PDB file of N, CA and C in Angstrom:
ATOM      1  N   MET A   1     -28.575 -18.674  -3.809  1.00  0.00           N
ATOM      2  CA  MET A   1     -27.856 -18.311  -2.609  1.00  0.00           C
ATOM      3  C   MET A   1     -26.962 -17.115  -2.914  1.00  0.00           C
ATOM      4  N   ASN A   2     -27.080 -16.070  -2.140  1.00  0.00           N
ATOM      5  CA  ASN A   2     -26.274 -14.870  -2.342  1.00  0.00           C
ATOM      6  C   ASN A   2     -24.921 -15.027  -1.670  1.00  0.00           C
ATOM      7  N   GLU A   3     -23.890 -14.581  -2.393  1.00  0.00           N
ATOM      8  CA  GLU A   3     -22.544 -14.617  -1.833  1.00  0.00           C
ATOM      9  C   GLU A   3     -22.218 -13.259  -1.248  1.00  0.00           C
ATOM     10  N   SER A   4     -21.464 -13.263  -0.162  1.00  0.00           N
ATOM     11  CA  SER A   4     -21.024 -12.002   0.428  1.00  0.00           C
ATOM     12  C   SER A   4     -19.905 -11.429  -0.427  1.00  0.00           C
ATOM     13  N   PRO A   5     -19.656 -10.101  -0.333  1.00  0.00           N
ATOM     14  CA  PRO A   5     -18.558  -9.513  -1.095  1.00  0.00           C
ATOM     15  C   PRO A   5     -17.224 -10.199  -0.816  1.00  0.00           C
ATOM     16  N   ALA A   6     -17.019 -10.654   0.423  1.00  0.00           N
ATOM     17  CA  ALA A   6     -15.760 -11.318   0.765  1.00  0.00           C
ATOM     18  C   ALA A   6     -15.600 -12.641   0.024  1.00  0.00           C
ATOM     19  N   GLU A   7     -16.720 -13.244  -0.390  1.00  0.00           N
ATOM     20  CA  GLU A   7     -16.650 -14.508  -1.117  1.00  0.00           C
ATOM     21  C   GLU A   7     -16.400 -14.300  -2.603  1.00  0.00           C
ATOM     22  N   THR A   8     -16.695 -13.124  -3.125  1.00  0.00           N
ATOM     23  CA  THR A   8     -16.563 -12.885  -4.557  1.00  0.00           C
ATOM     24  C   THR A   8     -15.446 -11.917  -4.912  1.00  0.00           C
ATOM     25  N   ASP A   9     -15.029 -11.080  -4.008  1.00  0.00           N
ATOM     26  CA  ASP A   9     -14.017 -10.061  -4.265  1.00  0.00           C
ATOM     27  C   ASP A   9     -12.722 -10.451  -3.553  1.00  0.00           C
ATOM     28  N   PRO A  10     -11.640 -10.711  -4.312  1.00  0.00           N
ATOM     29  CA  PRO A  10     -10.381 -11.108  -3.664  1.00  0.00           C
ATOM     30  C   PRO A  10      -9.863 -10.079  -2.658  1.00  0.00           C
ATOM     31  N   LEU A  11     -10.052  -8.800  -2.939  1.00  0.00           N
ATOM     32  CA  LEU A  11      -9.608  -7.761  -2.006  1.00  0.00           C
ATOM     33  C   LEU A  11     -10.385  -7.859  -0.697  1.00  0.00           C
ATOM     34  N   GLU A  12     -11.698  -7.962  -0.796  1.00  0.00           N
ATOM     35  CA  GLU A  12     -12.529  -8.076   0.409  1.00  0.00           C
ATOM     36  C   GLU A  12     -12.208  -9.353   1.178  1.00  0.00           C
ATOM     37  N   ALA A  13     -11.988 -10.443   0.452  1.00  0.00           N
ATOM     38  CA  ALA A  13     -11.655 -11.707   1.117  1.00  0.00           C
ATOM     39  C   ALA A  13     -10.332 -11.585   1.865  1.00  0.00           C
ATOM     40  N   PHE A  14      -9.356 -10.940   1.248  1.00  0.00           N
ATOM     41  CA  PHE A  14      -8.049 -10.746   1.879  1.00  0.00           C
ATOM     42  C   PHE A  14      -8.171  -9.893   3.134  1.00  0.00           C
ATOM     43  N   LEU A  15      -8.884  -8.789   3.043  1.00  0.00           N
ATOM     44  CA  LEU A  15      -8.999  -7.865   4.177  1.00  0.00           C
ATOM     45  C   LEU A  15      -9.928  -8.372   5.275  1.00  0.00           C
ATOM     46  N   ALA A  16     -10.753  -9.364   4.969  1.00  0.00           N
ATOM     47  CA  ALA A  16     -11.704  -9.884   5.958  1.00  0.00           C
ATOM     48  C   ALA A  16     -11.006 -10.459   7.188  1.00  0.00           C
ATOM     49  N   GLY A  17      -9.754 -10.832   7.060  1.00  0.00           N
ATOM     50  CA  GLY A  17      -9.023 -11.399   8.184  1.00  0.00           C
ATOM     51  C   GLY A  17      -8.451 -10.375   9.147  1.00  0.00           C
ATOM     52  N   TYR A  18      -8.703  -9.111   8.887  1.00  0.00           N
ATOM     53  CA  TYR A  18      -8.152  -8.038   9.728  1.00  0.00           C
ATOM     54  C   TYR A  18      -9.276  -7.313  10.460  1.00  0.00           C
ATOM     55  N   SER A  19      -8.909  -6.569  11.479  1.00  0.00           N
ATOM     56  CA  SER A  19      -9.898  -5.820  12.258  1.00  0.00           C
ATOM     57  C   SER A  19     -10.545  -4.747  11.385  1.00  0.00           C
ATOM     58  N   PRO A  20     -11.730  -4.280  11.764  1.00  0.00           N
ATOM     59  CA  PRO A  20     -12.377  -3.209  10.996  1.00  0.00           C
ATOM     60  C   PRO A  20     -11.499  -1.963  10.862  1.00  0.00           C
ATOM     61  N   ASP A  21     -10.763  -1.608  11.910  1.00  0.00           N
ATOM     62  CA  ASP A  21      -9.894  -0.427  11.838  1.00  0.00           C
ATOM     63  C   ASP A  21      -8.771  -0.620  10.825  1.00  0.00           C
ATOM     64  N   VAL A  22      -8.166  -1.790  10.827  1.00  0.00           N
ATOM     65  CA  VAL A  22      -7.078  -2.062   9.879  1.00  0.00           C
ATOM     66  C   VAL A  22      -7.626  -2.123   8.458  1.00  0.00           C
ATOM     67  N   ARG A  23      -8.783  -2.751   8.271  1.00  0.00           N
ATOM     68  CA  ARG A  23      -9.401  -2.784   6.932  1.00  0.00           C
ATOM     69  C   ARG A  23      -9.647  -1.374   6.424  1.00  0.00           C
ATOM     70  N   ALA A  24     -10.224  -0.523   7.277  1.00  0.00           N
ATOM     71  CA  ALA A  24     -10.517   0.855   6.868  1.00  0.00           C
ATOM     72  C   ALA A  24      -9.236   1.608   6.529  1.00  0.00           C
ATOM     73  N   LEU A  25      -8.200   1.400   7.300  1.00  0.00           N
ATOM     74  CA  LEU A  25      -6.921   2.067   7.053  1.00  0.00           C
ATOM     75  C   LEU A  25      -6.297   1.576   5.747  1.00  0.00           C
ATOM     76  N   ALA A  26      -6.358   0.282   5.507  1.00  0.00           N
ATOM     77  CA  ALA A  26      -5.820  -0.275   4.259  1.00  0.00           C
ATOM     78  C   ALA A  26      -6.583   0.268   3.054  1.00  0.00           C
ATOM     79  N   LEU A  27      -7.898   0.358   3.165  1.00  0.00           N
ATOM     80  CA  LEU A  27      -8.700   0.885   2.053  1.00  0.00           C
ATOM     81  C   LEU A  27      -8.437   2.367   1.830  1.00  0.00           C
ATOM     82  N   LYS A  28      -8.191   3.110   2.894  1.00  0.00           N
ATOM     83  CA  LYS A  28      -7.862   4.532   2.759  1.00  0.00           C
ATOM     84  C   LYS A  28      -6.506   4.691   2.069  1.00  0.00           C
ATOM     85  N   ALA A  29      -5.534   3.875   2.458  1.00  0.00           N
ATOM     86  CA  ALA A  29      -4.223   3.913   1.805  1.00  0.00           C
ATOM     87  C   ALA A  29      -4.351   3.511   0.337  1.00  0.00           C
ATOM     88  N   ARG A  30      -5.159   2.506   0.068  1.00  0.00           N
ATOM     89  CA  ARG A  30      -5.401   2.060  -1.311  1.00  0.00           C
ATOM     90  C   ARG A  30      -5.994   3.185  -2.146  1.00  0.00           C
ATOM     91  N   ALA A  31      -6.962   3.896  -1.588  1.00  0.00           N
ATOM     92  CA  ALA A  31      -7.586   5.007  -2.313  1.00  0.00           C
ATOM     93  C   ALA A  31      -6.555   6.078  -2.652  1.00  0.00           C
ATOM     94  N   LEU A  32      -5.647   6.355  -1.728  1.00  0.00           N
ATOM     95  CA  LEU A  32      -4.601   7.345  -1.990  1.00  0.00           C
ATOM     96  C   LEU A  32      -3.670   6.867  -3.100  1.00  0.00           C
ATOM     97  N   VAL A  33      -3.228   5.623  -3.021  1.00  0.00           N
ATOM     98  CA  VAL A  33      -2.337   5.068  -4.050  1.00  0.00           C
ATOM     99  C   VAL A  33      -2.992   5.180  -5.424  1.00  0.00           C
ATOM    100  N   LEU A  34      -4.245   4.767  -5.526  1.00  0.00           N
ATOM    101  CA  LEU A  34      -4.930   4.779  -6.818  1.00  0.00           C
ATOM    102  C   LEU A  34      -5.282   6.190  -7.274  1.00  0.00           C
ATOM    103  N   ASP A  35      -5.427   7.124  -6.337  1.00  0.00           N
ATOM    104  CA  ASP A  35      -5.662   8.522  -6.703  1.00  0.00           C
ATOM    105  C   ASP A  35      -4.398   9.135  -7.303  1.00  0.00           C
ATOM    106  N   VAL A  36      -3.262   8.845  -6.700  1.00  0.00           N
ATOM    107  CA  VAL A  36      -1.993   9.393  -7.187  1.00  0.00           C
ATOM    108  C   VAL A  36      -1.575   8.714  -8.489  1.00  0.00           C
ATOM    109  N   MET A  37      -1.833   7.421  -8.594  1.00  0.00           N
ATOM    110  CA  MET A  37      -1.398   6.655  -9.763  1.00  0.00           C
ATOM    111  C   MET A  37      -2.555   5.857 -10.355  1.00  0.00           C
ATOM    112  N   PRO A  38      -3.504   6.545 -10.987  1.00  0.00           N
ATOM    113  CA  PRO A  38      -4.620   5.808 -11.586  1.00  0.00           C
ATOM    114  C   PRO A  38      -4.095   4.866 -12.671  1.00  0.00           C
ATOM    115  N   GLY A  39      -4.724   3.746 -12.779  1.00  0.00           N
ATOM    116  CA  GLY A  39      -4.324   2.796 -13.803  1.00  0.00           C
ATOM    117  C   GLY A  39      -3.318   1.761 -13.340  1.00  0.00           C
ATOM    118  N   LEU A  40      -2.892   1.829 -12.081  1.00  0.00           N
ATOM    119  CA  LEU A  40      -1.974   0.813 -11.569  1.00  0.00           C
ATOM    120  C   LEU A  40      -2.664  -0.541 -11.538  1.00  0.00           C
ATOM    121  N   LEU A  41      -1.892  -1.569 -11.748  1.00  0.00           N
ATOM    122  CA  LEU A  41      -2.376  -2.930 -11.598  1.00  0.00           C
ATOM    123  C   LEU A  41      -2.312  -3.287 -10.113  1.00  0.00           C
ATOM    124  N   GLU A  42      -3.418  -3.752  -9.578  1.00  0.00           N
ATOM    125  CA  GLU A  42      -3.472  -4.154  -8.172  1.00  0.00           C
ATOM    126  C   GLU A  42      -3.460  -5.670  -8.098  1.00  0.00           C
ATOM    127  N   GLN A  43      -2.580  -6.206  -7.265  1.00  0.00           N
ATOM    128  CA  GLN A  43      -2.505  -7.648  -7.084  1.00  0.00           C
ATOM    129  C   GLN A  43      -2.659  -7.986  -5.605  1.00  0.00           C
ATOM    130  N   VAL A  44      -3.577  -8.877  -5.314  1.00  0.00           N
ATOM    131  CA  VAL A  44      -3.763  -9.359  -3.950  1.00  0.00           C
ATOM    132  C   VAL A  44      -2.833 -10.556  -3.772  1.00  0.00           C
ATOM    133  N   ASP A  45      -1.866 -10.426  -2.895  1.00  0.00           N
ATOM    134  CA  ASP A  45      -0.889 -11.484  -2.628  1.00  0.00           C
ATOM    135  C   ASP A  45      -1.183 -12.047  -1.240  1.00  0.00           C
ATOM    136  N   VAL A  46      -2.028 -13.071  -1.198  1.00  0.00           N
ATOM    137  CA  VAL A  46      -2.446 -13.646   0.083  1.00  0.00           C
ATOM    138  C   VAL A  46      -1.263 -14.268   0.827  1.00  0.00           C
ATOM    139  N   PRO A  47      -0.425 -15.097   0.173  1.00  0.00           N
ATOM    140  CA  PRO A  47       0.717 -15.657   0.914  1.00  0.00           C
ATOM    141  C   PRO A  47       1.672 -14.576   1.426  1.00  0.00           C
ATOM    142  N   GLY A  48       1.854 -13.509   0.655  1.00  0.00           N
ATOM    143  CA  GLY A  48       2.729 -12.419   1.066  1.00  0.00           C
ATOM    144  C   GLY A  48       2.074 -11.450   2.035  1.00  0.00           C
ATOM    145  N   LYS A  49       0.771 -11.603   2.233  1.00  0.00           N
ATOM    146  CA  LYS A  49      -0.020 -10.740   3.115  1.00  0.00           C
ATOM    147  C   LYS A  49       0.112  -9.274   2.726  1.00  0.00           C
ATOM    148  N   LEU A  50      -0.058  -9.011   1.414  1.00  0.00           N
ATOM    149  CA  LEU A  50       0.055  -7.635   0.950  1.00  0.00           C
ATOM    150  C   LEU A  50      -0.763  -7.411  -0.310  1.00  0.00           C
ATOM    151  N   LEU A  51      -0.979  -6.138  -0.587  1.00  0.00           N
ATOM    152  CA  LEU A  51      -1.559  -5.689  -1.846  1.00  0.00           C
ATOM    153  C   LEU A  51      -0.422  -5.036  -2.613  1.00  0.00           C
ATOM    154  N   GLY A  52      -0.166  -5.508  -3.823  1.00  0.00           N
ATOM    155  CA  GLY A  52       0.932  -4.975  -4.614  1.00  0.00           C
ATOM    156  C   GLY A  52       0.420  -4.092  -5.734  1.00  0.00           C
ATOM    157  N   TYR A  53       1.186  -3.039  -6.037  1.00  0.00           N
ATOM    158  CA  TYR A  53       0.796  -2.081  -7.071  1.00  0.00           C
ATOM    159  C   TYR A  53       1.967  -1.827  -8.006  1.00  0.00           C
ATOM    160  N   GLY A  54       1.703  -1.961  -9.300  1.00  0.00           N
ATOM    161  CA  GLY A  54       2.725  -1.690 -10.302  1.00  0.00           C
ATOM    162  C   GLY A  54       2.079  -1.477 -11.655  1.00  0.00           C
ATOM    163  N   TRP A  55       2.907  -1.123 -12.627  1.00  0.00           N
ATOM    164  CA  TRP A  55       2.392  -0.878 -13.976  1.00  0.00           C
ATOM    165  C   TRP A  55       2.235  -2.180 -14.743  1.00  0.00           C
ATOM    166  N   THR A  56       2.925  -3.246 -14.296  1.00  0.00           N
ATOM    167  CA  THR A  56       2.764  -4.581 -14.865  1.00  0.00           C
ATOM    168  C   THR A  56       2.692  -5.566 -13.701  1.00  0.00           C
ATOM    169  N   ALA A  57       2.493  -6.836 -14.024  1.00  0.00           N
ATOM    170  CA  ALA A  57       2.371  -7.865 -12.991  1.00  0.00           C
ATOM    171  C   ALA A  57       3.720  -8.425 -12.550  1.00  0.00           C
ATOM    172  N   THR A  58       4.812  -7.887 -13.062  1.00  0.00           N
ATOM    173  CA  THR A  58       6.122  -8.409 -12.689  1.00  0.00           C
ATOM    174  C   THR A  58       6.637  -7.736 -11.421  1.00  0.00           C
ATOM    175  N   TYR A  59       7.418  -8.495 -10.661  1.00  0.00           N
ATOM    176  CA  TYR A  59       7.961  -7.980  -9.408  1.00  0.00           C
ATOM    177  C   TYR A  59       8.834  -6.753  -9.646  1.00  0.00           C
ATOM    178  N   LYS A  60       9.608  -6.757 -10.721  1.00  0.00           N
ATOM    179  CA  LYS A  60      10.530  -5.643 -10.972  1.00  0.00           C
ATOM    180  C   LYS A  60       9.797  -4.329 -11.228  1.00  0.00           C
ATOM    181  N   ASP A  61       8.533  -4.397 -11.588  1.00  0.00           N
ATOM    182  CA  ASP A  61       7.750  -3.187 -11.840  1.00  0.00           C
ATOM    183  C   ASP A  61       6.890  -2.770 -10.650  1.00  0.00           C
ATOM    184  N   THR A  62       7.067  -3.424  -9.509  1.00  0.00           N
ATOM    185  CA  THR A  62       6.317  -3.048  -8.313  1.00  0.00           C
ATOM    186  C   THR A  62       6.738  -1.657  -7.860  1.00  0.00           C
ATOM    187  N   ILE A  63       5.754  -0.812  -7.613  1.00  0.00           N
ATOM    188  CA  ILE A  63       6.018   0.539  -7.129  1.00  0.00           C
ATOM    189  C   ILE A  63       5.833   0.600  -5.620  1.00  0.00           C
ATOM    190  N   CYS A  64       4.712   0.065  -5.156  1.00  0.00           N
ATOM    191  CA  CYS A  64       4.453   0.099  -3.720  1.00  0.00           C
ATOM    192  C   CYS A  64       3.572  -1.072  -3.320  1.00  0.00           C
ATOM    193  N   VAL A  65       3.510  -1.301  -2.020  1.00  0.00           N
ATOM    194  CA  VAL A  65       2.678  -2.364  -1.464  1.00  0.00           C
ATOM    195  C   VAL A  65       1.983  -1.850  -0.210  1.00  0.00           C
ATOM    196  N   ILE A  66       0.829  -2.406   0.063  1.00  0.00           N
ATOM    197  CA  ILE A  66       0.107  -2.130   1.304  1.00  0.00           C
ATOM    198  C   ILE A  66       0.114  -3.424   2.100  1.00  0.00           C
ATOM    199  N   MET A  67       0.651  -3.344   3.320  1.00  0.00           N
ATOM    200  CA  MET A  67       0.779  -4.518   4.173  1.00  0.00           C
ATOM    201  C   MET A  67      -0.034  -4.314   5.449  1.00  0.00           C
ATOM    202  N   PRO A  68      -1.241  -4.889   5.516  1.00  0.00           N
ATOM    203  CA  PRO A  68      -2.018  -4.787   6.756  1.00  0.00           C
ATOM    204  C   PRO A  68      -1.321  -5.558   7.880  1.00  0.00           C
ATOM    205  N   LEU A  69      -1.407  -5.004   9.067  1.00  0.00           N
ATOM    206  CA  LEU A  69      -0.809  -5.609  10.256  1.00  0.00           C
ATOM    207  C   LEU A  69      -1.891  -5.762  11.322  1.00  0.00           C
ATOM    208  N   LYS A  70      -1.550  -6.271  12.466  1.00  0.00           N
ATOM    209  CA  LYS A  70      -2.539  -6.403  13.542  1.00  0.00           C
ATOM    210  C   LYS A  70      -3.049  -5.052  14.011  1.00  0.00           C
ATOM    211  N   ALA A  71      -2.172  -4.062  14.029  1.00  0.00           N
ATOM    212  CA  ALA A  71      -2.565  -2.743  14.549  1.00  0.00           C
ATOM    213  C   ALA A  71      -2.025  -1.638  13.651  1.00  0.00           C
ATOM    214  N   GLY A  72      -2.402  -1.665  12.400  1.00  0.00           N
ATOM    215  CA  GLY A  72      -1.965  -0.621  11.477  1.00  0.00           C
ATOM    216  C   GLY A  72      -1.664  -1.199  10.115  1.00  0.00           C
ATOM    217  N   VAL A  73      -1.030  -0.379   9.304  1.00  0.00           N
ATOM    218  CA  VAL A  73      -0.716  -0.746   7.927  1.00  0.00           C
ATOM    219  C   VAL A  73       0.656  -0.177   7.599  1.00  0.00           C
ATOM    220  N   ASN A  74       1.450  -0.932   6.872  1.00  0.00           N
ATOM    221  CA  ASN A  74       2.678  -0.392   6.308  1.00  0.00           C
ATOM    222  C   ASN A  74       2.450  -0.126   4.828  1.00  0.00           C
ATOM    223  N   LEU A  75       2.864   1.039   4.371  1.00  0.00           N
ATOM    224  CA  LEU A  75       2.868   1.357   2.948  1.00  0.00           C
ATOM    225  C   LEU A  75       4.320   1.266   2.515  1.00  0.00           C
ATOM    226  N   GLY A  76       4.627   0.227   1.759  1.00  0.00           N
ATOM    227  CA  GLY A  76       6.001  -0.024   1.362  1.00  0.00           C
ATOM    228  C   GLY A  76       6.296   0.492  -0.032  1.00  0.00           C
ATOM    229  N   PHE A  77       7.520   0.932  -0.225  1.00  0.00           N
ATOM    230  CA  PHE A  77       7.989   1.438  -1.514  1.00  0.00           C
ATOM    231  C   PHE A  77       9.139   0.552  -1.977  1.00  0.00           C
ATOM    232  N   ALA A  78       8.981  -0.084  -3.140  1.00  0.00           N
ATOM    233  CA  ALA A  78       9.971  -1.031  -3.635  1.00  0.00           C
ATOM    234  C   ALA A  78      11.344  -0.389  -3.798  1.00  0.00           C
ATOM    235  N   ARG A  79      11.376   0.856  -4.195  1.00  0.00           N
ATOM    236  CA  ARG A  79      12.641   1.577  -4.373  1.00  0.00           C
ATOM    237  C   ARG A  79      12.698   2.785  -3.436  1.00  0.00           C
ATOM    238  N   GLY A  80      12.265   2.562  -2.223  1.00  0.00           N
ATOM    239  CA  GLY A  80      12.168   3.641  -1.245  1.00  0.00           C
ATOM    240  C   GLY A  80      13.477   4.316  -0.924  1.00  0.00           C
ATOM    241  N   VAL A  81      14.572   3.580  -1.026  1.00  0.00           N
ATOM    242  CA  VAL A  81      15.875   4.156  -0.718  1.00  0.00           C
ATOM    243  C   VAL A  81      16.212   5.305  -1.673  1.00  0.00           C
ATOM    244  N   ASP A  82      15.618   5.314  -2.857  1.00  0.00           N
ATOM    245  CA  ASP A  82      15.897   6.346  -3.862  1.00  0.00           C
ATOM    246  C   ASP A  82      14.966   7.553  -3.787  1.00  0.00           C
ATOM    247  N   LEU A  83      13.964   7.504  -2.924  1.00  0.00           N
ATOM    248  CA  LEU A  83      12.966   8.575  -2.877  1.00  0.00           C
ATOM    249  C   LEU A  83      13.410   9.721  -1.972  1.00  0.00           C
ATOM    250  N   PRO A  84      13.129  10.957  -2.389  1.00  0.00           N
ATOM    251  CA  PRO A  84      13.387  12.084  -1.486  1.00  0.00           C
ATOM    252  C   PRO A  84      12.407  12.004  -0.312  1.00  0.00           C
ATOM    253  N   ASP A  85      12.910  12.187   0.885  1.00  0.00           N
ATOM    254  CA  ASP A  85      12.076  12.038   2.082  1.00  0.00           C
ATOM    255  C   ASP A  85      12.445  13.099   3.119  1.00  0.00           C
ATOM    256  N   PRO A  86      12.182  14.381   2.805  1.00  0.00           N
ATOM    257  CA  PRO A  86      12.588  15.444   3.729  1.00  0.00           C
ATOM    258  C   PRO A  86      11.909  15.359   5.099  1.00  0.00           C
ATOM    259  N   GLU A  87      10.731  14.750   5.172  1.00  0.00           N
ATOM    260  CA  GLU A  87      10.041  14.637   6.465  1.00  0.00           C
ATOM    261  C   GLU A  87      10.378  13.338   7.194  1.00  0.00           C
ATOM    262  N   ARG A  88      11.248  12.547   6.593  1.00  0.00           N
ATOM    263  CA  ARG A  88      11.756  11.325   7.213  1.00  0.00           C
ATOM    264  C   ARG A  88      10.634  10.368   7.638  1.00  0.00           C
ATOM    265  N   LEU A  89       9.712  10.144   6.708  1.00  0.00           N
ATOM    266  CA  LEU A  89       8.635   9.194   6.970  1.00  0.00           C
ATOM    267  C   LEU A  89       9.081   7.753   6.747  1.00  0.00           C
ATOM    268  N   LEU A  90      10.011   7.559   5.831  1.00  0.00           N
ATOM    269  CA  LEU A  90      10.424   6.214   5.449  1.00  0.00           C
ATOM    270  C   LEU A  90      11.299   5.568   6.521  1.00  0.00           C
ATOM    271  N   THR A  91      11.013   4.294   6.778  1.00  0.00           N
ATOM    272  CA  THR A  91      11.826   3.516   7.705  1.00  0.00           C
ATOM    273  C   THR A  91      12.169   2.187   7.049  1.00  0.00           C
ATOM    274  N   GLY A  92      13.070   1.469   7.658  1.00  0.00           N
ATOM    275  CA  GLY A  92      13.470   0.163   7.144  1.00  0.00           C
ATOM    276  C   GLY A  92      14.954   0.126   6.869  1.00  0.00           C
ATOM    277  N   THR A  93      15.476  -1.080   6.790  1.00  0.00           N
ATOM    278  CA  THR A  93      16.914  -1.249   6.608  1.00  0.00           C
ATOM    279  C   THR A  93      17.254  -2.095   5.392  1.00  0.00           C
ATOM    280  N   GLY A  94      16.272  -2.388   4.565  1.00  0.00           N
ATOM    281  CA  GLY A  94      16.521  -3.197   3.376  1.00  0.00           C
ATOM    282  C   GLY A  94      17.437  -2.496   2.391  1.00  0.00           C
ATOM    283  N   LYS A  95      17.952  -3.268   1.459  1.00  0.00           N
ATOM    284  CA  LYS A  95      18.864  -2.732   0.456  1.00  0.00           C
ATOM    285  C   LYS A  95      18.182  -1.689  -0.419  1.00  0.00           C
ATOM    286  N   ARG A  96      16.895  -1.898  -0.754  1.00  0.00           N
ATOM    287  CA  ARG A  96      16.172  -0.985  -1.644  1.00  0.00           C
ATOM    288  C   ARG A  96      14.845  -0.492  -1.058  1.00  0.00           C
ATOM    289  N   ALA A  97      14.116  -1.380  -0.433  1.00  0.00           N
ATOM    290  CA  ALA A  97      12.755  -1.064   0.011  1.00  0.00           C
ATOM    291  C   ALA A  97      12.749  -0.266   1.315  1.00  0.00           C
ATOM    292  N   ARG A  98      11.727   0.553   1.439  1.00  0.00           N
ATOM    293  CA  ARG A  98      11.453   1.298   2.670  1.00  0.00           C
ATOM    294  C   ARG A  98       9.935   1.315   2.848  1.00  0.00           C
ATOM    295  N   HIS A  99       9.478   1.629   4.049  1.00  0.00           N
ATOM    296  CA  HIS A  99       8.042   1.691   4.297  1.00  0.00           C
ATOM    297  C   HIS A  99       7.701   2.843   5.234  1.00  0.00           C
ATOM    298  N   VAL A 100       6.423   3.188   5.202  1.00  0.00           N
ATOM    299  CA  VAL A 100       5.866   4.190   6.109  1.00  0.00           C
ATOM    300  C   VAL A 100       4.813   3.478   6.947  1.00  0.00           C
ATOM    301  N   ARG A 101       4.911   3.619   8.234  1.00  0.00           N
ATOM    302  CA  ARG A 101       3.940   3.012   9.153  1.00  0.00           C
ATOM    303  C   ARG A 101       2.722   3.929   9.246  1.00  0.00           C
ATOM    304  N   LEU A 102       1.548   3.369   9.016  1.00  0.00           N
ATOM    305  CA  LEU A 102       0.292   4.113   9.092  1.00  0.00           C
ATOM    306  C   LEU A 102      -0.528   3.534  10.243  1.00  0.00           C
ATOM    307  N   GLY A 103      -0.776   4.344  11.253  1.00  0.00           N
ATOM    308  CA  GLY A 103      -1.516   3.865  12.413  1.00  0.00           C
ATOM    309  C   GLY A 103      -2.900   4.463  12.553  1.00  0.00           C
ATOM    310  N   THR A 104      -3.115   5.603  11.890  1.00  0.00           N
ATOM    311  CA  THR A 104      -4.407   6.293  11.972  1.00  0.00           C
ATOM    312  C   THR A 104      -4.771   6.839  10.592  1.00  0.00           C
ATOM    313  N   PRO A 105      -6.046   7.150  10.379  1.00  0.00           N
ATOM    314  CA  PRO A 105      -6.422   7.775   9.109  1.00  0.00           C
ATOM    315  C   PRO A 105      -5.662   9.076   8.849  1.00  0.00           C
ATOM    316  N   ALA A 106      -5.349   9.818   9.904  1.00  0.00           N
ATOM    317  CA  ALA A 106      -4.600  11.071   9.732  1.00  0.00           C
ATOM    318  C   ALA A 106      -3.218  10.817   9.138  1.00  0.00           C
ATOM    319  N   ASP A 107      -2.624   9.668   9.428  1.00  0.00           N
ATOM    320  CA  ASP A 107      -1.321   9.336   8.848  1.00  0.00           C
ATOM    321  C   ASP A 107      -1.403   9.245   7.325  1.00  0.00           C
ATOM    322  N   VAL A 108      -2.505   8.722   6.820  1.00  0.00           N
ATOM    323  CA  VAL A 108      -2.689   8.586   5.372  1.00  0.00           C
ATOM    324  C   VAL A 108      -2.886   9.951   4.722  1.00  0.00           C
ATOM    325  N   GLU A 109      -3.412  10.895   5.484  1.00  0.00           N
ATOM    326  CA  GLU A 109      -3.721  12.225   4.951  1.00  0.00           C
ATOM    327  C   GLU A 109      -2.534  13.184   4.963  1.00  0.00           C
ATOM    328  N   ARG A 110      -1.399  12.761   5.481  1.00  0.00           N
ATOM    329  CA  ARG A 110      -0.227  13.643   5.510  1.00  0.00           C
ATOM    330  C   ARG A 110       0.194  13.999   4.085  1.00  0.00           C
ATOM    331  N   PRO A 111       0.360  15.280   3.791  1.00  0.00           N
ATOM    332  CA  PRO A 111       0.797  15.677   2.448  1.00  0.00           C
ATOM    333  C   PRO A 111       2.115  15.022   2.041  1.00  0.00           C
ATOM    334  N   ALA A 112       3.008  14.805   2.978  1.00  0.00           N
ATOM    335  CA  ALA A 112       4.307  14.204   2.655  1.00  0.00           C
ATOM    336  C   ALA A 112       4.162  12.779   2.123  1.00  0.00           C
ATOM    337  N   LEU A 113       3.108  12.075   2.523  1.00  0.00           N
ATOM    338  CA  LEU A 113       2.885  10.727   2.022  1.00  0.00           C
ATOM    339  C   LEU A 113       2.505  10.772   0.545  1.00  0.00           C
ATOM    340  N   ARG A 114       1.647  11.707   0.186  1.00  0.00           N
ATOM    341  CA  ARG A 114       1.284  11.888  -1.221  1.00  0.00           C
ATOM    342  C   ARG A 114       2.526  12.243  -2.041  1.00  0.00           C
ATOM    343  N   VAL A 115       3.381  13.094  -1.495  1.00  0.00           N
ATOM    344  CA  VAL A 115       4.611  13.483  -2.195  1.00  0.00           C
ATOM    345  C   VAL A 115       5.492  12.255  -2.444  1.00  0.00           C
ATOM    346  N   LEU A 116       5.594  11.371  -1.462  1.00  0.00           N
ATOM    347  CA  LEU A 116       6.366  10.140  -1.652  1.00  0.00           C
ATOM    348  C   LEU A 116       5.781   9.285  -2.772  1.00  0.00           C
ATOM    349  N   LEU A 117       4.464   9.149  -2.787  1.00  0.00           N
ATOM    350  CA  LEU A 117       3.821   8.371  -3.849  1.00  0.00           C
ATOM    351  C   LEU A 117       4.041   9.014  -5.216  1.00  0.00           C
ATOM    352  N   GLU A 118       3.950  10.330  -5.279  1.00  0.00           N
ATOM    353  CA  GLU A 118       4.192  11.023  -6.546  1.00  0.00           C
ATOM    354  C   GLU A 118       5.630  10.815  -7.012  1.00  0.00           C
ATOM    355  N   ALA A 119       6.576  10.862  -6.086  1.00  0.00           N
ATOM    356  CA  ALA A 119       7.981  10.633  -6.433  1.00  0.00           C
ATOM    357  C   ALA A 119       8.194   9.195  -6.906  1.00  0.00           C
ATOM    358  N   ALA A 120       7.528   8.244  -6.260  1.00  0.00           N
ATOM    359  CA  ALA A 120       7.643   6.842  -6.673  1.00  0.00           C
ATOM    360  C   ALA A 120       7.080   6.647  -8.076  1.00  0.00           C
ATOM    361  N   ALA A 121       5.975   7.316  -8.373  1.00  0.00           N
ATOM    362  CA  ALA A 121       5.384   7.221  -9.710  1.00  0.00           C
ATOM    363  C   ALA A 121       6.311   7.827 -10.756  1.00  0.00           C
ATOM    364  N   ALA A 122       6.919   8.948 -10.434  1.00  0.00           N
ATOM    365  CA  ALA A 122       7.802   9.633 -11.379  1.00  0.00           C
ATOM    366  C   ALA A 122       9.091   8.848 -11.607  1.00  0.00           C
ATOM    367  N   ALA A 123       9.498   8.053 -10.637  1.00  0.00           N
ATOM    368  CA  ALA A 123      10.759   7.318 -10.731  1.00  0.00           C
ATOM    369  C   ALA A 123      10.651   6.053 -11.567  1.00  0.00           C
ATOM    370  N   ARG A 124       9.467   5.705 -11.950  1.00  0.00           N
ATOM    371  CA  ARG A 124       9.307   4.444 -12.683  1.00  0.00           C
ATOM    372  C   ARG A 124      10.062   4.519 -13.944  1.00  0.00           C
TER     373      ARG A 124
END
């Protein structure tokens, strides 16, 4: 009996609960994160409803997270409050974390988003 990718791949299984548009957007954001920071550890956090990225598996080393939503994706930065953000993409009111709302593939392609990821990588 052949298993579907969603049955064997934790990432696919996690994203299977979202619409095709949200899945595609999350995968596009994931590709950008991994392009900017190759070698990051990716963790699928089903209870947290997010994909976590860091240099180790500890929470304190989390750099960013991808949070699929019903109609879009948030790209969260664990230390977003410390990042330079001249285009004011970051939102949120947490003590440390900030996020960027991604609603379309074009949002992921914004050069300023890559700059934020590069700054987050450099700040580690």
